[in-house]
Structure formats: C-alpha cells, structure tokens
Amino acid sequence: MTSGDLRNKVREYVDTADVRLLKMLEAIAETYENEVNEPILDEDQYQILDSRREAHLKGESKSLSWEEVKRKIKSANS
C-alpha cells in the first residue's frame, strides 16, 4: 500500500468516524508529534559528540576508514 493509499484510507476513517475514534486518532497524532520533536540525544551527549568531533578534525583521535572497520569485523568473526 502506498502512502497515498494510506492517506485516502485514513481520510475515509475520519470522514465516517465517531467522536471516540477521532479522539483516539488525535491522541496518536499528538504522541507522534511529541516523539518527533524530542531530541534524540540530551545536552551532555551532544557535548561529548562535539568534543570527539573536534578531536577528530584536529587529528587528535584515531579513526578508521569504512574498509578498515569491515576488515576488523570480518577478522573478529573468523
């Protein structure tokens, strides 16, 4: 089912819904909005990431290429 099909189906539900169903749909939408707007990381976690990024950009931390990461994973599983 495409997103357009889903939208049409939801519109059908809304057009024929009683108050109880409309309240449930509203609660779902509000919960979704709250979750979408919540930051994934807290401020301390952002600060840690920022300091690690700065260290990486200055060449002060060790980093691996994607190929090196894949090789390490393969060798660890062998």
N, C-alpha and C. Protein backbone atom coordinates (compact mmCIF):
# COMPACT_ATOMS: atom_id res chain seq x y z
N MET A 1 0.85 -1.18 0.00
CA MET A 1 0.00 0.00 0.00
C MET A 1 0.89 1.24 0.00
N THR A 2 0.62 2.16 -0.88
CA THR A 2 1.41 3.39 -0.98
C THR A 2 1.00 4.40 0.10
N SER A 3 1.80 5.42 0.27
CA SER A 3 1.45 6.45 1.25
C SER A 3 0.16 7.17 0.84
N GLY A 4 -0.04 7.34 -0.46
CA GLY A 4 -1.29 7.96 -0.93
C GLY A 4 -2.50 7.10 -0.60
N ASP A 5 -2.35 5.78 -0.77
CA ASP A 5 -3.44 4.86 -0.42
C ASP A 5 -3.76 4.95 1.07
N LEU A 6 -2.70 5.01 1.88
CA LEU A 6 -2.90 5.11 3.33
C LEU A 6 -3.60 6.41 3.70
N ARG A 7 -3.19 7.50 3.08
CA ARG A 7 -3.84 8.79 3.36
C ARG A 7 -5.33 8.73 3.02
N ASN A 8 -5.64 8.14 1.87
CA ASN A 8 -7.04 8.02 1.48
C ASN A 8 -7.82 7.17 2.47
N LYS A 9 -7.21 6.08 2.93
CA LYS A 9 -7.87 5.20 3.90
C LYS A 9 -8.13 5.94 5.21
N VAL A 10 -7.13 6.69 5.66
CA VAL A 10 -7.29 7.46 6.91
C VAL A 10 -8.39 8.51 6.73
N ARG A 11 -8.42 9.16 5.59
CA ARG A 11 -9.48 10.15 5.33
C ARG A 11 -10.86 9.49 5.39
N GLU A 12 -10.96 8.28 4.84
CA GLU A 12 -12.24 7.55 4.90
C GLU A 12 -12.64 7.30 6.36
N TYR A 13 -11.65 6.87 7.17
CA TYR A 13 -11.93 6.65 8.59
C TYR A 13 -12.40 7.93 9.25
N VAL A 14 -11.68 9.02 8.99
CA VAL A 14 -12.01 10.31 9.62
C VAL A 14 -13.39 10.79 9.19
N ASP A 15 -13.70 10.64 7.92
CA ASP A 15 -14.99 11.11 7.41
C ASP A 15 -16.17 10.38 8.03
N THR A 16 -15.97 9.14 8.44
CA THR A 16 -17.08 8.34 8.99
C THR A 16 -16.94 8.07 10.48
N ALA A 17 -15.91 8.65 11.10
CA ALA A 17 -15.60 8.32 12.49
C ALA A 17 -16.55 8.96 13.48
N ASP A 18 -16.74 8.24 14.59
CA ASP A 18 -17.46 8.83 15.70
C ASP A 18 -16.45 9.58 16.58
N VAL A 19 -16.93 10.24 17.60
CA VAL A 19 -16.07 11.06 18.46
C VAL A 19 -14.99 10.21 19.12
N ARG A 20 -15.32 9.01 19.52
CA ARG A 20 -14.36 8.13 20.19
C ARG A 20 -13.16 7.85 19.28
N LEU A 21 -13.41 7.49 18.03
CA LEU A 21 -12.32 7.22 17.10
C LEU A 21 -11.53 8.49 16.80
N LEU A 22 -12.20 9.60 16.66
CA LEU A 22 -11.50 10.86 16.41
C LEU A 22 -10.57 11.22 17.56
N LYS A 23 -11.01 10.97 18.80
CA LYS A 23 -10.16 11.24 19.96
C LYS A 23 -8.95 10.32 19.97
N MET A 24 -9.15 9.06 19.58
CA MET A 24 -8.03 8.12 19.51
C MET A 24 -7.02 8.57 18.44
N LEU A 25 -7.52 8.97 17.29
CA LEU A 25 -6.64 9.44 16.22
C LEU A 25 -5.88 10.69 16.65
N GLU A 26 -6.56 11.58 17.36
CA GLU A 26 -5.91 12.78 17.86
C GLU A 26 -4.79 12.42 18.85
N ALA A 27 -5.06 11.47 19.73
CA ALA A 27 -4.05 11.05 20.71
C ALA A 27 -2.84 10.44 20.01
N ILE A 28 -3.09 9.65 19.00
CA ILE A 28 -1.98 9.05 18.23
C ILE A 28 -1.16 10.15 17.57
N ALA A 29 -1.83 11.11 16.94
CA ALA A 29 -1.13 12.20 16.26
C ALA A 29 -0.32 13.03 17.25
N GLU A 30 -0.88 13.32 18.41
CA GLU A 30 -0.16 14.11 19.41
C GLU A 30 1.05 13.36 19.93
N THR A 31 0.90 12.07 20.18
CA THR A 31 2.03 11.26 20.64
C THR A 31 3.13 11.25 19.60
N TYR A 32 2.75 11.08 18.35
CA TYR A 32 3.72 11.09 17.25
C TYR A 32 4.45 12.43 17.20
N GLU A 33 3.72 13.52 17.27
CA GLU A 33 4.33 14.85 17.21
C GLU A 33 5.31 15.05 18.36
N ASN A 34 4.94 14.61 19.56
CA ASN A 34 5.82 14.76 20.71
C ASN A 34 7.10 13.96 20.53
N GLU A 35 6.98 12.74 20.00
CA GLU A 35 8.16 11.90 19.80
C GLU A 35 9.06 12.46 18.71
N VAL A 36 8.47 12.98 17.65
CA VAL A 36 9.26 13.53 16.55
C VAL A 36 10.03 14.75 17.00
N ASN A 37 9.45 15.56 17.87
CA ASN A 37 10.07 16.81 18.30
C ASN A 37 11.04 16.65 19.46
N GLU A 38 11.08 15.46 20.07
CA GLU A 38 12.00 15.23 21.17
C GLU A 38 13.41 15.02 20.62
N PRO A 39 14.40 15.67 21.23
CA PRO A 39 15.77 15.41 20.77
C PRO A 39 16.16 13.97 21.09
N ILE A 40 16.92 13.38 20.20
CA ILE A 40 17.35 12.00 20.39
C ILE A 40 18.42 11.94 21.47
N LEU A 41 19.28 12.95 21.51
CA LEU A 41 20.36 13.00 22.49
C LEU A 41 20.11 14.14 23.46
N ASP A 42 20.58 13.96 24.70
CA ASP A 42 20.47 15.08 25.63
C ASP A 42 21.69 16.00 25.47
N GLU A 43 21.71 17.10 26.18
CA GLU A 43 22.75 18.11 26.01
C GLU A 43 24.14 17.56 26.30
N ASP A 44 24.28 16.74 27.35
CA ASP A 44 25.58 16.16 27.68
C ASP A 44 26.09 15.28 26.54
N GLN A 45 25.20 14.51 25.94
CA GLN A 45 25.61 13.64 24.83
C GLN A 45 26.04 14.47 23.63
N TYR A 46 25.35 15.58 23.35
CA TYR A 46 25.76 16.47 22.27
C TYR A 46 27.15 17.04 22.54
N GLN A 47 27.42 17.40 23.78
CA GLN A 47 28.72 17.97 24.12
C GLN A 47 29.83 16.94 23.92
N ILE A 48 29.57 15.69 24.31
CA ILE A 48 30.55 14.62 24.10
C ILE A 48 30.83 14.44 22.61
N LEU A 49 29.76 14.39 21.82
CA LEU A 49 29.94 14.25 20.38
C LEU A 49 30.72 15.42 19.79
N ASP A 50 30.40 16.63 20.24
CA ASP A 50 31.12 17.81 19.73
C ASP A 50 32.60 17.74 20.06
N SER A 51 32.94 17.35 21.29
CA SER A 51 34.35 17.29 21.66
C SER A 51 35.07 16.18 20.89
N ARG A 52 34.40 15.05 20.67
CA ARG A 52 35.01 13.98 19.88
C ARG A 52 35.19 14.40 18.42
N ARG A 53 34.23 15.13 17.89
CA ARG A 53 34.33 15.62 16.51
C ARG A 53 35.49 16.59 16.38
N GLU A 54 35.61 17.50 17.33
CA GLU A 54 36.72 18.45 17.30
C GLU A 54 38.06 17.72 17.35
N ALA A 55 38.17 16.73 18.23
CA ALA A 55 39.41 15.95 18.32
C ALA A 55 39.70 15.25 17.00
N HIS A 56 38.68 14.72 16.37
CA HIS A 56 38.85 14.06 15.07
C HIS A 56 39.32 15.05 14.02
N LEU A 57 38.69 16.21 13.95
CA LEU A 57 39.05 17.20 12.95
C LEU A 57 40.48 17.72 13.14
N LYS A 58 40.94 17.74 14.39
CA LYS A 58 42.30 18.19 14.68
C LYS A 58 43.32 17.07 14.53
N GLY A 59 42.85 15.85 14.23
CA GLY A 59 43.75 14.71 14.09
C GLY A 59 44.24 14.16 15.41
N GLU A 60 43.52 14.46 16.48
CA GLU A 60 43.92 14.05 17.82
C GLU A 60 43.31 12.72 18.25
N SER A 61 42.48 12.13 17.42
CA SER A 61 41.86 10.86 17.78
C SER A 61 42.05 9.87 16.63
N LYS A 62 42.02 8.60 16.98
CA LYS A 62 42.19 7.57 15.97
C LYS A 62 40.85 7.34 15.28
N SER A 63 40.90 7.21 13.98
CA SER A 63 39.69 6.88 13.24
C SER A 63 40.03 5.83 12.19
N LEU A 64 39.01 5.14 11.74
CA LEU A 64 39.18 4.08 10.75
C LEU A 64 38.34 4.37 9.53
N SER A 65 38.82 3.93 8.39
CA SER A 65 38.00 4.02 7.18
C SER A 65 36.94 2.93 7.26
N TRP A 66 35.93 3.06 6.42
CA TRP A 66 34.87 2.06 6.40
C TRP A 66 35.44 0.69 6.03
N GLU A 67 36.40 0.65 5.11
CA GLU A 67 37.03 -0.61 4.72
C GLU A 67 37.76 -1.24 5.90
N GLU A 68 38.46 -0.42 6.70
CA GLU A 68 39.15 -0.94 7.88
C GLU A 68 38.16 -1.51 8.89
N VAL A 69 37.06 -0.84 9.07
CA VAL A 69 36.03 -1.32 10.00
C VAL A 69 35.51 -2.67 9.55
N LYS A 70 35.21 -2.80 8.26
CA LYS A 70 34.70 -4.08 7.74
C LYS A 70 35.73 -5.19 7.90
N ARG A 71 37.01 -4.89 7.64
CA ARG A 71 38.06 -5.90 7.82
C ARG A 71 38.15 -6.34 9.28
N LYS A 72 38.07 -5.39 10.20
CA LYS A 72 38.15 -5.73 11.63
C LYS A 72 36.98 -6.62 12.04
N ILE A 73 35.80 -6.32 11.54
CA ILE A 73 34.62 -7.12 11.87
C ILE A 73 34.78 -8.53 11.33
N LYS A 74 35.23 -8.64 10.08
CA LYS A 74 35.43 -9.96 9.47
C LYS A 74 36.47 -10.76 10.23
N SER A 75 37.57 -10.13 10.62
CA SER A 75 38.62 -10.85 11.33
C SER A 75 38.16 -11.24 12.74
N ALA A 76 37.32 -10.45 13.35
CA ALA A 76 36.81 -10.78 14.69
C ALA A 76 35.85 -11.96 14.63
N ASN A 77 35.16 -12.11 13.52
CA ASN A 77 34.20 -13.21 13.37
C ASN A 77 34.84 -14.48 12.86
N SER A 78 36.11 -14.44 12.52
CA SER A 78 36.79 -15.63 11.98
C SER A 78 37.38 -16.48 13.07
